[in-house]
């Protein structure tokens, strides 16, 4: 059952994000499910739960998308990106938040 929920969640994430640059702590899952569906290709930057490092990543704004799990381990990071002027919340699923760069059109 847990695997089914995980698969459904990642299918929604992949469906929501077109090809592009993505920052996420779950790089392996994103790449696995995008390859499994065969419809998306991403350049991925992985991050961990360190709030200072994540704040620097958000400030750099070098990715089009941020995929952030809603798990308690990452709860402090939600506040960092929500307060940012470089990303806005794009989608929310049961276990995942997706943010899009306000400058997403300039990435190529």
PDB file of N, CA and C in Angstrom:
ATOM      1  N   UNK A   1       0.822  -1.195   0.000  1.00  0.00           N
ATOM      2  CA  UNK A   1       0.000   0.000   0.000  1.00  0.00           C
ATOM      3  C   UNK A   1       0.866   1.259   0.000  1.00  0.00           C
ATOM      4  N   UNK A   2       1.910   1.255   0.828  1.00  0.00           N
ATOM      5  CA  UNK A   2       2.799   2.414   0.905  1.00  0.00           C
ATOM      6  C   UNK A   2       3.463   2.690  -0.449  1.00  0.00           C
ATOM      7  N   UNK A   3       3.874   1.628  -1.156  1.00  0.00           N
ATOM      8  CA  UNK A   3       4.497   1.797  -2.463  1.00  0.00           C
ATOM      9  C   UNK A   3       3.513   2.380  -3.472  1.00  0.00           C
ATOM     10  N   UNK A   4       2.269   1.993  -3.390  1.00  0.00           N
ATOM     11  CA  UNK A   4       1.250   2.520  -4.293  1.00  0.00           C
ATOM     12  C   UNK A   4       1.045   4.010  -4.060  1.00  0.00           C
ATOM     13  N   UNK A   5       0.977   4.417  -2.815  1.00  0.00           N
ATOM     14  CA  UNK A   5       0.820   5.835  -2.475  1.00  0.00           C
ATOM     15  C   UNK A   5       2.035   6.623  -2.959  1.00  0.00           C
ATOM     16  N   UNK A   6       3.226   6.085  -2.734  1.00  0.00           N
ATOM     17  CA  UNK A   6       4.465   6.732  -3.177  1.00  0.00           C
ATOM     18  C   UNK A   6       4.463   6.898  -4.703  1.00  0.00           C
ATOM     19  N   UNK A   7       4.096   5.857  -5.411  1.00  0.00           N
ATOM     20  CA  UNK A   7       4.048   5.902  -6.876  1.00  0.00           C
ATOM     21  C   UNK A   7       3.038   6.927  -7.360  1.00  0.00           C
ATOM     22  N   UNK A   8       1.852   6.944  -6.785  1.00  0.00           N
ATOM     23  CA  UNK A   8       0.824   7.907  -7.192  1.00  0.00           C
ATOM     24  C   UNK A   8       1.291   9.337  -6.956  1.00  0.00           C
ATOM     25  N   UNK A   9       1.943   9.587  -5.833  1.00  0.00           N
ATOM     26  CA  UNK A   9       2.429  10.929  -5.510  1.00  0.00           C
ATOM     27  C   UNK A   9       3.469  11.380  -6.543  1.00  0.00           C
ATOM     28  N   UNK A  10       4.432  10.511  -6.849  1.00  0.00           N
ATOM     29  CA  UNK A  10       5.465  10.886  -7.803  1.00  0.00           C
ATOM     30  C   UNK A  10       4.921  11.019  -9.219  1.00  0.00           C
ATOM     31  N   UNK A  11       3.930  10.251  -9.559  1.00  0.00           N
ATOM     32  CA  UNK A  11       3.301  10.435 -10.883  1.00  0.00           C
ATOM     33  C   UNK A  11       2.668  11.817 -10.985  1.00  0.00           C
ATOM     34  N   UNK A  12       2.061  12.289  -9.920  1.00  0.00           N
ATOM     35  CA  UNK A  12       1.478  13.640  -9.905  1.00  0.00           C
ATOM     36  C   UNK A  12       2.568  14.706 -10.023  1.00  0.00           C
ATOM     37  N   UNK A  13       3.663  14.505  -9.310  1.00  0.00           N
ATOM     38  CA  UNK A  13       4.768  15.466  -9.357  1.00  0.00           C
ATOM     39  C   UNK A  13       5.328  15.543 -10.776  1.00  0.00           C
ATOM     40  N   UNK A  14       5.615  14.401 -11.376  1.00  0.00           N
ATOM     41  CA  UNK A  14       6.166  14.373 -12.728  1.00  0.00           C
ATOM     42  C   UNK A  14       5.182  14.988 -13.725  1.00  0.00           C
ATOM     43  N   UNK A  15       3.905  14.732 -13.561  1.00  0.00           N
ATOM     44  CA  UNK A  15       2.902  15.312 -14.460  1.00  0.00           C
ATOM     45  C   UNK A  15       2.822  16.832 -14.324  1.00  0.00           C
ATOM     46  N   UNK A  16       3.131  17.346 -13.144  1.00  0.00           N
ATOM     47  CA  UNK A  16       3.010  18.790 -12.890  1.00  0.00           C
ATOM     48  C   UNK A  16       4.211  19.592 -13.380  1.00  0.00           C
ATOM     49  N   UNK A  17       5.362  18.945 -13.510  1.00  0.00           N
ATOM     50  CA  UNK A  17       6.590  19.669 -13.839  1.00  0.00           C
ATOM     51  C   UNK A  17       7.072  19.293 -15.237  1.00  0.00           C
ATOM     52  N   UNK A  18       7.104  20.247 -16.143  1.00  0.00           N
ATOM     53  CA  UNK A  18       7.690  19.951 -17.454  1.00  0.00           C
ATOM     54  C   UNK A  18       9.200  19.770 -17.310  1.00  0.00           C
ATOM     55  N   UNK A  19       9.848  19.342 -18.340  1.00  0.00           N
ATOM     56  CA  UNK A  19      11.299  19.180 -18.311  1.00  0.00           C
ATOM     57  C   UNK A  19      11.947  20.464 -17.827  1.00  0.00           C
ATOM     58  N   UNK A  20      13.019  20.335 -17.062  1.00  0.00           N
ATOM     59  CA  UNK A  20      13.708  21.522 -16.569  1.00  0.00           C
ATOM     60  C   UNK A  20      14.634  21.196 -15.426  1.00  0.00           C
ATOM     61  N   UNK A  21      15.105  22.237 -14.759  1.00  0.00           N
ATOM     62  CA  UNK A  21      16.006  22.073 -13.621  1.00  0.00           C
ATOM     63  C   UNK A  21      15.190  22.049 -12.332  1.00  0.00           C
ATOM     64  N   UNK A  22      15.486  21.053 -11.503  1.00  0.00           N
ATOM     65  CA  UNK A  22      14.700  20.806 -10.293  1.00  0.00           C
ATOM     66  C   UNK A  22      15.631  20.600  -9.103  1.00  0.00           C
ATOM     67  N   UNK A  23      15.322  21.231  -7.992  1.00  0.00           N
ATOM     68  CA  UNK A  23      16.017  20.979  -6.729  1.00  0.00           C
ATOM     69  C   UNK A  23      15.077  20.175  -5.843  1.00  0.00           C
ATOM     70  N   UNK A  24      15.574  19.086  -5.277  1.00  0.00           N
ATOM     71  CA  UNK A  24      14.768  18.223  -4.427  1.00  0.00           C
ATOM     72  C   UNK A  24      15.669  17.346  -3.563  1.00  0.00           C
ATOM     73  N   UNK A  25      15.219  16.978  -2.375  1.00  0.00           N
ATOM     74  CA  UNK A  25      15.987  16.015  -1.594  1.00  0.00           C
ATOM     75  C   UNK A  25      15.760  14.582  -2.081  1.00  0.00           C
ATOM     76  N   UNK A  26      14.799  14.401  -2.973  1.00  0.00           N
ATOM     77  CA  UNK A  26      14.437  13.072  -3.473  1.00  0.00           C
ATOM     78  C   UNK A  26      14.795  12.916  -4.950  1.00  0.00           C
ATOM     79  N   UNK A  27      16.030  13.231  -5.297  1.00  0.00           N
ATOM     80  CA  UNK A  27      16.461  13.173  -6.693  1.00  0.00           C
ATOM     81  C   UNK A  27      16.258  11.790  -7.305  1.00  0.00           C
ATOM     82  N   UNK A  28      16.588  10.754  -6.569  1.00  0.00           N
ATOM     83  CA  UNK A  28      16.446   9.392  -7.100  1.00  0.00           C
ATOM     84  C   UNK A  28      15.005   9.075  -7.443  1.00  0.00           C
ATOM     85  N   UNK A  29      14.070   9.452  -6.580  1.00  0.00           N
ATOM     86  CA  UNK A  29      12.661   9.178  -6.855  1.00  0.00           C
ATOM     87  C   UNK A  29      12.180   9.969  -8.065  1.00  0.00           C
ATOM     88  N   UNK A  30      12.543  11.248  -8.134  1.00  0.00           N
ATOM     89  CA  UNK A  30      12.131  12.071  -9.274  1.00  0.00           C
ATOM     90  C   UNK A  30      12.641  11.474 -10.576  1.00  0.00           C
ATOM     91  N   UNK A  31      13.903  11.130 -10.621  1.00  0.00           N
ATOM     92  CA  UNK A  31      14.481  10.568 -11.842  1.00  0.00           C
ATOM     93  C   UNK A  31      13.900   9.198 -12.171  1.00  0.00           C
ATOM     94  N   UNK A  32      13.711   8.369 -11.157  1.00  0.00           N
ATOM     95  CA  UNK A  32      13.139   7.045 -11.382  1.00  0.00           C
ATOM     96  C   UNK A  32      11.741   7.143 -11.980  1.00  0.00           C
ATOM     97  N   UNK A  33      10.878   7.943 -11.370  1.00  0.00           N
ATOM     98  CA  UNK A  33       9.496   8.005 -11.845  1.00  0.00           C
ATOM     99  C   UNK A  33       9.370   8.760 -13.168  1.00  0.00           C
ATOM    100  N   UNK A  34      10.229   9.725 -13.416  1.00  0.00           N
ATOM    101  CA  UNK A  34      10.183  10.397 -14.722  1.00  0.00           C
ATOM    102  C   UNK A  34      10.658   9.451 -15.814  1.00  0.00           C
ATOM    103  N   UNK A  35      11.688   8.665 -15.541  1.00  0.00           N
ATOM    104  CA  UNK A  35      12.153   7.679 -16.519  1.00  0.00           C
ATOM    105  C   UNK A  35      11.137   6.570 -16.712  1.00  0.00           C
ATOM    106  N   UNK A  36      10.502   6.162 -15.630  1.00  0.00           N
ATOM    107  CA  UNK A  36       9.485   5.111 -15.700  1.00  0.00           C
ATOM    108  C   UNK A  36       8.349   5.535 -16.622  1.00  0.00           C
ATOM    109  N   UNK A  37       7.947   6.789 -16.529  1.00  0.00           N
ATOM    110  CA  UNK A  37       6.870   7.295 -17.372  1.00  0.00           C
ATOM    111  C   UNK A  37       7.375   7.667 -18.761  1.00  0.00           C
ATOM    112  N   UNK A  38       8.676   7.902 -18.866  1.00  0.00           N
ATOM    113  CA  UNK A  38       9.273   8.195 -20.153  1.00  0.00           C
ATOM    114  C   UNK A  38       8.816   9.505 -20.778  1.00  0.00           C
ATOM    115  N   UNK A  39       8.390  10.450 -19.944  1.00  0.00           N
ATOM    116  CA  UNK A  39       7.854  11.683 -20.515  1.00  0.00           C
ATOM    117  C   UNK A  39       8.580  12.937 -20.064  1.00  0.00           C
ATOM    118  N   UNK A  40       9.454  12.856 -19.125  1.00  0.00           N
ATOM    119  CA  UNK A  40      10.112  14.042 -18.606  1.00  0.00           C
ATOM    120  C   UNK A  40      11.620  13.810 -18.498  1.00  0.00           C
ATOM    121  N   UNK A  41      12.342  14.903 -18.612  1.00  0.00           N
ATOM    122  CA  UNK A  41      13.793  14.865 -18.422  1.00  0.00           C
ATOM    123  C   UNK A  41      14.166  16.056 -17.563  1.00  0.00           C
ATOM    124  N   UNK A  42      14.948  15.800 -16.530  1.00  0.00           N
ATOM    125  CA  UNK A  42      15.284  16.844 -15.573  1.00  0.00           C
ATOM    126  C   UNK A  42      16.784  16.950 -15.355  1.00  0.00           C
ATOM    127  N   UNK A  43      17.222  18.137 -15.032  1.00  0.00           N
ATOM    128  CA  UNK A  43      18.531  18.375 -14.455  1.00  0.00           C
ATOM    129  C   UNK A  43      18.245  18.565 -12.974  1.00  0.00           C
ATOM    130  N   UNK A  44      18.853  17.740 -12.128  1.00  0.00           N
ATOM    131  CA  UNK A  44      18.464  17.708 -10.722  1.00  0.00           C
ATOM    132  C   UNK A  44      19.610  18.145  -9.817  1.00  0.00           C
ATOM    133  N   UNK A  45      19.264  18.990  -8.861  1.00  0.00           N
ATOM    134  CA  UNK A  45      20.176  19.384  -7.783  1.00  0.00           C
ATOM    135  C   UNK A  45      19.567  18.859  -6.485  1.00  0.00           C
ATOM    136  N   UNK A  46      20.319  18.055  -5.772  1.00  0.00           N
ATOM    137  CA  UNK A  46      19.805  17.479  -4.533  1.00  0.00           C
ATOM    138  C   UNK A  46      20.220  18.341  -3.345  1.00  0.00           C
ATOM    139  N   UNK A  47      19.312  18.475  -2.383  1.00  0.00           N
ATOM    140  CA  UNK A  47      19.623  19.176  -1.144  1.00  0.00           C
ATOM    141  C   UNK A  47      19.192  18.333   0.034  1.00  0.00           C
ATOM    142  N   UNK A  48      19.631  18.718   1.221  1.00  0.00           N
ATOM    143  CA  UNK A  48      19.239  17.999   2.436  1.00  0.00           C
ATOM    144  C   UNK A  48      18.417  18.935   3.319  1.00  0.00           C
ATOM    145  N   UNK A  49      18.246  18.573   4.576  1.00  0.00           N
ATOM    146  CA  UNK A  49      17.376  19.333   5.482  1.00  0.00           C
ATOM    147  C   UNK A  49      18.065  20.527   6.145  1.00  0.00           C
ATOM    148  N   UNK A  50      19.312  20.815   5.800  1.00  0.00           N
ATOM    149  CA  UNK A  50      20.032  21.929   6.407  1.00  0.00           C
ATOM    150  C   UNK A  50      19.415  23.265   5.965  1.00  0.00           C
ATOM    151  N   UNK A  51      18.880  24.004   6.915  1.00  0.00           N
ATOM    152  CA  UNK A  51      18.146  25.233   6.609  1.00  0.00           C
ATOM    153  C   UNK A  51      19.025  26.310   5.973  1.00  0.00           C
ATOM    154  N   UNK A  52      20.248  26.474   6.460  1.00  0.00           N
ATOM    155  CA  UNK A  52      21.147  27.488   5.892  1.00  0.00           C
ATOM    156  C   UNK A  52      21.523  27.161   4.451  1.00  0.00           C
ATOM    157  N   UNK A  53      21.835  25.902   4.197  1.00  0.00           N
ATOM    158  CA  UNK A  53      22.183  25.492   2.832  1.00  0.00           C
ATOM    159  C   UNK A  53      20.981  25.660   1.898  1.00  0.00           C
ATOM    160  N   UNK A  54      19.806  25.315   2.394  1.00  0.00           N
ATOM    161  CA  UNK A  54      18.608  25.455   1.579  1.00  0.00           C
ATOM    162  C   UNK A  54      18.321  26.931   1.291  1.00  0.00           C
ATOM    163  N   UNK A  55      18.488  27.781   2.287  1.00  0.00           N
ATOM    164  CA  UNK A  55      18.282  29.223   2.082  1.00  0.00           C
ATOM    165  C   UNK A  55      19.233  29.750   1.011  1.00  0.00           C
ATOM    166  N   UNK A  56      20.461  29.263   0.994  1.00  0.00           N
ATOM    167  CA  UNK A  56      21.422  29.673  -0.036  1.00  0.00           C
ATOM    168  C   UNK A  56      20.983  29.177  -1.411  1.00  0.00           C
ATOM    169  N   UNK A  57      20.462  27.962  -1.480  1.00  0.00           N
ATOM    170  CA  UNK A  57      19.955  27.423  -2.738  1.00  0.00           C
ATOM    171  C   UNK A  57      18.797  28.281  -3.266  1.00  0.00           C
ATOM    172  N   UNK A  58      17.890  28.635  -2.385  1.00  0.00           N
ATOM    173  CA  UNK A  58      16.740  29.470  -2.777  1.00  0.00           C
ATOM    174  C   UNK A  58      17.227  30.846  -3.231  1.00  0.00           C
ATOM    175  N   UNK A  59      18.184  31.419  -2.529  1.00  0.00           N
ATOM    176  CA  UNK A  59      18.708  32.743  -2.889  1.00  0.00           C
ATOM    177  C   UNK A  59      19.416  32.719  -4.240  1.00  0.00           C
ATOM    178  N   UNK A  60      20.112  31.624  -4.550  1.00  0.00           N
ATOM    179  CA  UNK A  60      20.795  31.504  -5.847  1.00  0.00           C
ATOM    180  C   UNK A  60      19.797  31.453  -6.997  1.00  0.00           C
ATOM    181  N   UNK A  61      18.644  30.855  -6.745  1.00  0.00           N
ATOM    182  CA  UNK A  61      17.575  30.732  -7.743  1.00  0.00           C
ATOM    183  C   UNK A  61      18.094  30.183  -9.069  1.00  0.00           C
ATOM    184  N   UNK A  62      18.833  29.091  -9.005  1.00  0.00           N
ATOM    185  CA  UNK A  62      19.406  28.504 -10.211  1.00  0.00           C
ATOM    186  C   UNK A  62      18.591  27.340 -10.768  1.00  0.00           C
ATOM    187  N   UNK A  63      17.484  27.020 -10.131  1.00  0.00           N
ATOM    188  CA  UNK A  63      16.610  25.972 -10.658  1.00  0.00           C
ATOM    189  C   UNK A  63      15.221  26.543 -10.927  1.00  0.00           C
ATOM    190  N   UNK A  64      14.552  25.935 -11.895  1.00  0.00           N
ATOM    191  CA  UNK A  64      13.202  26.371 -12.237  1.00  0.00           C
ATOM    192  C   UNK A  64      12.173  25.899 -11.213  1.00  0.00           C
ATOM    193  N   UNK A  65      12.457  24.760 -10.610  1.00  0.00           N
ATOM    194  CA  UNK A  65      11.485  24.111  -9.718  1.00  0.00           C
ATOM    195  C   UNK A  65      12.156  23.669  -8.432  1.00  0.00           C
ATOM    196  N   UNK A  66      11.382  23.686  -7.349  1.00  0.00           N
ATOM    197  CA  UNK A  66      11.777  23.062  -6.088  1.00  0.00           C
ATOM    198  C   UNK A  66      10.667  22.091  -5.709  1.00  0.00           C
ATOM    199  N   UNK A  67      11.037  20.849  -5.475  1.00  0.00           N
ATOM    200  CA  UNK A  67      10.096  19.823  -5.018  1.00  0.00           C
ATOM    201  C   UNK A  67      10.460  19.527  -3.578  1.00  0.00           C
ATOM    202  N   UNK A  68       9.543  19.824  -2.670  1.00  0.00           N
ATOM    203  CA  UNK A  68       9.824  19.751  -1.237  1.00  0.00           C
ATOM    204  C   UNK A  68       8.842  18.817  -0.542  1.00  0.00           C
ATOM    205  N   UNK A  69       9.347  17.765   0.091  1.00  0.00           N
ATOM    206  CA  UNK A  69       8.458  16.873   0.839  1.00  0.00           C
ATOM    207  C   UNK A  69       7.842  17.603   2.029  1.00  0.00           C
ATOM    208  N   UNK A  70       6.652  17.204   2.408  1.00  0.00           N
ATOM    209  CA  UNK A  70       5.973  17.806   3.551  1.00  0.00           C
ATOM    210  C   UNK A  70       6.313  17.107   4.872  1.00  0.00           C
ATOM    211  N   UNK A  71       7.337  16.315   4.898  1.00  0.00           N
ATOM    212  CA  UNK A  71       7.709  15.602   6.111  1.00  0.00           C
ATOM    213  C   UNK A  71       8.306  16.558   7.132  1.00  0.00           C
ATOM    214  N   UNK A  72       8.167  16.232   8.404  1.00  0.00           N
ATOM    215  CA  UNK A  72       8.615  17.117   9.480  1.00  0.00           C
ATOM    216  C   UNK A  72      10.102  17.461   9.374  1.00  0.00           C
ATOM    217  N   UNK A  73      10.895  16.566   8.840  1.00  0.00           N
ATOM    218  CA  UNK A  73      12.324  16.799   8.652  1.00  0.00           C
ATOM    219  C   UNK A  73      12.580  18.074   7.838  1.00  0.00           C
ATOM    220  N   UNK A  74      11.670  18.401   6.925  1.00  0.00           N
ATOM    221  CA  UNK A  74      11.834  19.551   6.042  1.00  0.00           C
ATOM    222  C   UNK A  74      10.912  20.719   6.380  1.00  0.00           C
ATOM    223  N   UNK A  75      10.245  20.674   7.514  1.00  0.00           N
ATOM    224  CA  UNK A  75       9.253  21.703   7.849  1.00  0.00           C
ATOM    225  C   UNK A  75       9.847  23.110   7.909  1.00  0.00           C
ATOM    226  N   UNK A  76      11.054  23.262   8.407  1.00  0.00           N
ATOM    227  CA  UNK A  76      11.674  24.592   8.462  1.00  0.00           C
ATOM    228  C   UNK A  76      11.966  25.135   7.072  1.00  0.00           C
ATOM    229  N   UNK A  77      12.155  24.260   6.104  1.00  0.00           N
ATOM    230  CA  UNK A  77      12.466  24.692   4.748  1.00  0.00           C
ATOM    231  C   UNK A  77      11.256  25.294   4.043  1.00  0.00           C
ATOM    232  N   UNK A  78      10.078  24.846   4.420  1.00  0.00           N
ATOM    233  CA  UNK A  78       8.852  25.391   3.823  1.00  0.00           C
ATOM    234  C   UNK A  78       8.775  26.893   4.086  1.00  0.00           C
ATOM    235  N   UNK A  79       9.108  27.301   5.290  1.00  0.00           N
ATOM    236  CA  UNK A  79       9.063  28.723   5.645  1.00  0.00           C
ATOM    237  C   UNK A  79      10.077  29.537   4.838  1.00  0.00           C
ATOM    238  N   UNK A  80      11.240  28.947   4.596  1.00  0.00           N
ATOM    239  CA  UNK A  80      12.284  29.635   3.829  1.00  0.00           C
ATOM    240  C   UNK A  80      11.800  29.927   2.418  1.00  0.00           C
ATOM    241  N   UNK A  81      11.276  28.927   1.753  1.00  0.00           N
ATOM    242  CA  UNK A  81      10.871  29.123   0.358  1.00  0.00           C
ATOM    243  C   UNK A  81       9.559  29.911   0.256  1.00  0.00           C
ATOM    244  N   UNK A  82       8.661  29.761   1.223  1.00  0.00           N
ATOM    245  CA  UNK A  82       7.430  30.555   1.215  1.00  0.00           C
ATOM    246  C   UNK A  82       7.726  32.042   1.388  1.00  0.00           C
ATOM    247  N   UNK A  83       8.773  32.375   2.125  1.00  0.00           N
ATOM    248  CA  UNK A  83       9.146  33.776   2.352  1.00  0.00           C
ATOM    249  C   UNK A  83       9.977  34.354   1.209  1.00  0.00           C
ATOM    250  N   UNK A  84      10.371  33.515   0.293  1.00  0.00           N
ATOM    251  CA  UNK A  84      11.228  33.931  -0.808  1.00  0.00           C
ATOM    252  C   UNK A  84      10.456  34.727  -1.859  1.00  0.00           C
ATOM    253  N   UNK A  85      11.148  35.670  -2.469  1.00  0.00           N
ATOM    254  CA  UNK A  85      10.546  36.399  -3.595  1.00  0.00           C
ATOM    255  C   UNK A  85      10.948  35.767  -4.922  1.00  0.00           C
ATOM    256  N   UNK A  86      11.780  34.723  -4.885  1.00  0.00           N
ATOM    257  CA  UNK A  86      12.249  34.087  -6.115  1.00  0.00           C
ATOM    258  C   UNK A  86      11.451  32.851  -6.519  1.00  0.00           C
ATOM    259  N   UNK A  87      10.654  32.317  -5.599  1.00  0.00           N
ATOM    260  CA  UNK A  87       9.826  31.139  -5.898  1.00  0.00           C
ATOM    261  C   UNK A  87       8.417  31.357  -5.380  1.00  0.00           C
ATOM    262  N   UNK A  88       7.459  30.775  -6.086  1.00  0.00           N
ATOM    263  CA  UNK A  88       6.081  30.804  -5.604  1.00  0.00           C
ATOM    264  C   UNK A  88       5.525  29.386  -5.633  1.00  0.00           C
ATOM    265  N   UNK A  89       4.622  29.129  -4.708  1.00  0.00           N
ATOM    266  CA  UNK A  89       4.025  27.801  -4.612  1.00  0.00           C
ATOM    267  C   UNK A  89       3.209  27.549  -5.872  1.00  0.00           C
ATOM    268  N   UNK A  90       3.472  26.415  -6.493  1.00  0.00           N
ATOM    269  CA  UNK A  90       2.852  26.062  -7.762  1.00  0.00           C
ATOM    270  C   UNK A  90       1.789  24.979  -7.588  1.00  0.00           C
ATOM    271  N   UNK A  91       2.103  23.971  -6.775  1.00  0.00           N
ATOM    272  CA  UNK A  91       1.174  22.860  -6.564  1.00  0.00           C
ATOM    273  C   UNK A  91       1.421  22.254  -5.191  1.00  0.00           C
ATOM    274  N   UNK A  92       0.383  21.639  -4.670  1.00  0.00           N
ATOM    275  CA  UNK A  92       0.491  20.956  -3.379  1.00  0.00           C
ATOM    276  C   UNK A  92      -0.232  19.630  -3.474  1.00  0.00           C
ATOM    277  N   UNK A  93       0.471  18.581  -3.088  1.00  0.00           N
ATOM    278  CA  UNK A  93      -0.103  17.249  -3.048  1.00  0.00           C
ATOM    279  C   UNK A  93      -0.079  16.765  -1.603  1.00  0.00           C
ATOM    280  N   UNK A  94      -0.536  15.572  -1.373  1.00  0.00           N
ATOM    281  CA  UNK A  94      -0.640  15.072  -0.002  1.00  0.00           C
ATOM    282  C   UNK A  94       0.702  15.116   0.745  1.00  0.00           C
ATOM    283  N   UNK A  95       1.781  14.746   0.072  1.00  0.00           N
ATOM    284  CA  UNK A  95       3.086  14.665   0.732  1.00  0.00           C
ATOM    285  C   UNK A  95       4.149  15.579   0.122  1.00  0.00           C
ATOM    286  N   UNK A  96       3.751  16.421  -0.822  1.00  0.00           N
ATOM    287  CA  UNK A  96       4.742  17.175  -1.589  1.00  0.00           C
ATOM    288  C   UNK A  96       4.264  18.585  -1.918  1.00  0.00           C
ATOM    289  N   UNK A  97       5.194  19.538  -1.850  1.00  0.00           N
ATOM    290  CA  UNK A  97       4.952  20.901  -2.319  1.00  0.00           C
ATOM    291  C   UNK A  97       5.842  21.143  -3.527  1.00  0.00           C
ATOM    292  N   UNK A  98       5.324  21.847  -4.519  1.00  0.00           N
ATOM    293  CA  UNK A  98       6.113  22.203  -5.695  1.00  0.00           C
ATOM    294  C   UNK A  98       6.128  23.721  -5.803  1.00  0.00           C
ATOM    295  N   UNK A  99       7.335  24.261  -5.978  1.00  0.00           N
ATOM    296  CA  UNK A  99       7.522  25.696  -6.150  1.00  0.00           C
ATOM    297  C   UNK A  99       8.106  25.944  -7.533  1.00  0.00           C
ATOM    298  N   UNK A 100       7.715  27.041  -8.142  1.00  0.00           N
ATOM    299  CA  UNK A 100       8.214  27.429  -9.452  1.00  0.00           C
ATOM    300  C   UNK A 100       8.944  28.758  -9.334  1.00  0.00           C
ATOM    301  N   UNK A 101      10.066  28.869 -10.005  1.00  0.00           N
ATOM    302  CA  UNK A 101      10.809  30.124 -10.019  1.00  0.00           C
ATOM    303  C   UNK A 101       9.972  31.213 -10.676  1.00  0.00           C
ATOM    304  N   UNK A 102       9.984  32.403 -10.114  1.00  0.00           N
ATOM    305  CA  UNK A 102       9.269  33.516 -10.741  1.00  0.00           C
ATOM    306  C   UNK A 102       9.946  33.920 -12.041  1.00  0.00           C
ATOM    307  N   UNK A 103      11.186  33.489 -12.231  1.00  0.00           N
ATOM    308  CA  UNK A 103      11.937  33.762 -13.455  1.00  0.00           C
ATOM    309  C   UNK A 103      12.058  32.524 -14.344  1.00  0.00           C
ATOM    310  N   UNK A 104      11.137  31.597 -14.219  1.00  0.00           N
ATOM    311  CA  UNK A 104      11.242  30.321 -14.928  1.00  0.00           C
ATOM    312  C   UNK A 104      11.370  30.498 -16.436  1.00  0.00           C
ATOM    313  N   UNK A 105      10.814  31.550 -16.994  1.00  0.00           N
ATOM    314  CA  UNK A 105      10.896  31.765 -18.427  1.00  0.00           C
ATOM    315  C   UNK A 105      12.290  32.072 -18.947  1.00  0.00           C
ATOM    316  N   UNK A 106      13.214  32.464 -18.061  1.00  0.00           N
ATOM    317  CA  UNK A 106      14.565  32.810 -18.491  1.00  0.00           C
ATOM    318  C   UNK A 106      15.508  31.608 -18.484  1.00  0.00           C
ATOM    319  N   UNK A 107      15.093  30.474 -17.951  1.00  0.00           N
ATOM    320  CA  UNK A 107      15.936  29.283 -17.932  1.00  0.00           C
ATOM    321  C   UNK A 107      15.874  28.605 -19.289  1.00  0.00           C
ATOM    322  N   UNK A 108      16.993  28.224 -19.786  1.00  0.00           N
ATOM    323  CA  UNK A 108      17.040  27.446 -21.042  1.00  0.00           C
ATOM    324  C   UNK A 108      18.264  26.597 -21.044  1.00  0.00           C
TER     325      UNK A 108
END
